[in-house]
Each structure stands twice: as structure tokens, then as C-alpha cells.
Amino acid sequence: MLGKNLNLSRLLIYLILLYDFCIHGHKQQYWEAGGHYNTAIAATRLRLRCLAIGHVGSEIYGRFLLDVLHDE
């Protein structure tokens, strides 16, 4: 019974977050490069040489990431 309640709790949390996303959407001002790119950005700010190899899509998130990396 506890497992079923836990799954329902997770589903409820997911639905609340999904509802909030649908109502408020993603505000680009709160986006981050994320993951390894945050580390690369921090390293370059410390004047260390670094290289990041990866693939980004051509959708809005990929363009955002390329813009962030270009600005840094």
C-alpha cells in the first residue's frame, strides 16, 4: 500500500509542476547552460583553457546554449 501511495504522490507532484509550466512557461531569463557547460564557463572565467565537445539541436534550447557559449 505504501508503494502505491508513493507513486500517487509522485504523480501529483509531476502534475502540479506540469500545470505550473503550462501556465507560466519557461522564462528564458532563468535558463542555464547546464551540466558540463557550466563547468566550462566557470573554467574560462578563471582564465583556464578548456574545450567542450558536444552536439546541440537547432531548436530554441540549442540556439540559447550556443548564444550563451558565444557570449562567454
Protein backbone atom coordinates (compact mmCIF):
# COMPACT_ATOMS: atom_id res chain seq x y z
CA MET A 1 0.00 0.00 0.00
CA LEU A 2 2.84 2.39 0.81
CA GLY A 3 4.32 1.92 -2.68
CA LYS A 4 1.00 2.81 -4.29
CA ASN A 5 0.70 5.98 -2.17
CA LEU A 6 4.26 6.94 -3.05
CA ASN A 7 3.56 6.56 -6.75
CA LEU A 8 0.40 8.66 -6.43
CA SER A 9 2.36 11.32 -4.54
CA ARG A 10 4.96 11.45 -7.31
CA LEU A 11 2.24 11.68 -9.93
CA LEU A 12 0.58 14.54 -8.05
CA ILE A 13 3.87 16.44 -7.80
CA TYR A 14 4.51 15.86 -11.51
CA LEU A 15 1.05 17.14 -12.42
CA ILE A 16 1.49 20.25 -10.27
CA LEU A 17 4.84 21.01 -11.92
CA LEU A 18 3.37 20.38 -15.37
CA TYR A 19 0.44 22.68 -14.61
CA ASP A 20 2.82 25.41 -13.42
CA PHE A 21 4.89 25.02 -16.60
CA CYS A 22 1.79 25.25 -18.80
CA ILE A 23 0.55 28.37 -17.04
CA HIS A 24 3.83 30.23 -16.60
CA GLY A 25 6.02 28.64 -19.26
CA HIS A 26 9.77 28.77 -19.33
CA LYS A 27 11.21 32.21 -18.76
CA GLN A 28 14.46 32.40 -20.66
CA GLN A 29 15.99 34.69 -18.05
CA TYR A 30 16.11 31.69 -15.68
CA TRP A 31 17.72 29.25 -18.12
CA GLU A 32 21.25 27.95 -17.59
CA ALA A 33 23.73 26.32 -19.92
CA GLY A 34 23.70 23.26 -17.65
CA GLY A 35 25.93 20.35 -16.80
CA HIS A 36 29.40 20.28 -18.24
CA TYR A 37 28.93 23.65 -19.91
CA ASN A 38 28.58 25.36 -16.53
CA THR A 39 31.95 23.85 -15.61
CA ALA A 40 33.49 25.03 -18.88
CA ILE A 41 32.12 28.55 -18.39
CA ALA A 42 33.46 28.68 -14.82
CA ALA A 43 36.88 27.49 -16.02
CA THR A 44 37.08 30.15 -18.71
CA ARG A 45 36.10 32.82 -16.19
CA LEU A 46 39.11 31.68 -14.17
CA ARG A 47 41.17 32.17 -17.34
CA LEU A 48 41.76 28.45 -17.76
CA ARG A 49 41.80 26.94 -21.22
CA CYS A 50 39.06 24.42 -21.82
CA LEU A 51 37.32 22.63 -24.63
CA ALA A 52 33.79 21.30 -24.74
CA ILE A 53 32.69 18.86 -27.40
CA GLY A 54 29.03 18.15 -27.84
CA HIS A 55 26.01 18.34 -30.07
CA VAL A 56 23.13 20.79 -29.77
CA GLY A 57 19.87 20.84 -31.64
CA SER A 58 18.53 23.62 -33.81
CA GLU A 59 15.55 24.27 -31.53
CA ILE A 60 15.25 27.19 -29.10
CA TYR A 61 17.30 25.47 -26.36
CA GLY A 62 20.18 24.68 -28.71
CA ARG A 63 20.26 28.25 -30.01
CA PHE A 64 20.16 29.52 -26.42
CA LEU A 65 23.13 27.35 -25.47
CA LEU A 66 25.16 28.49 -28.46
CA ASP A 67 24.36 32.14 -27.65
CA VAL A 68 25.47 31.67 -24.03
CA LEU A 69 28.72 30.00 -25.04
CA HIS A 70 29.40 32.65 -27.67
CA ASP A 71 28.82 35.46 -25.15
CA GLU A 72 31.22 33.85 -22.67
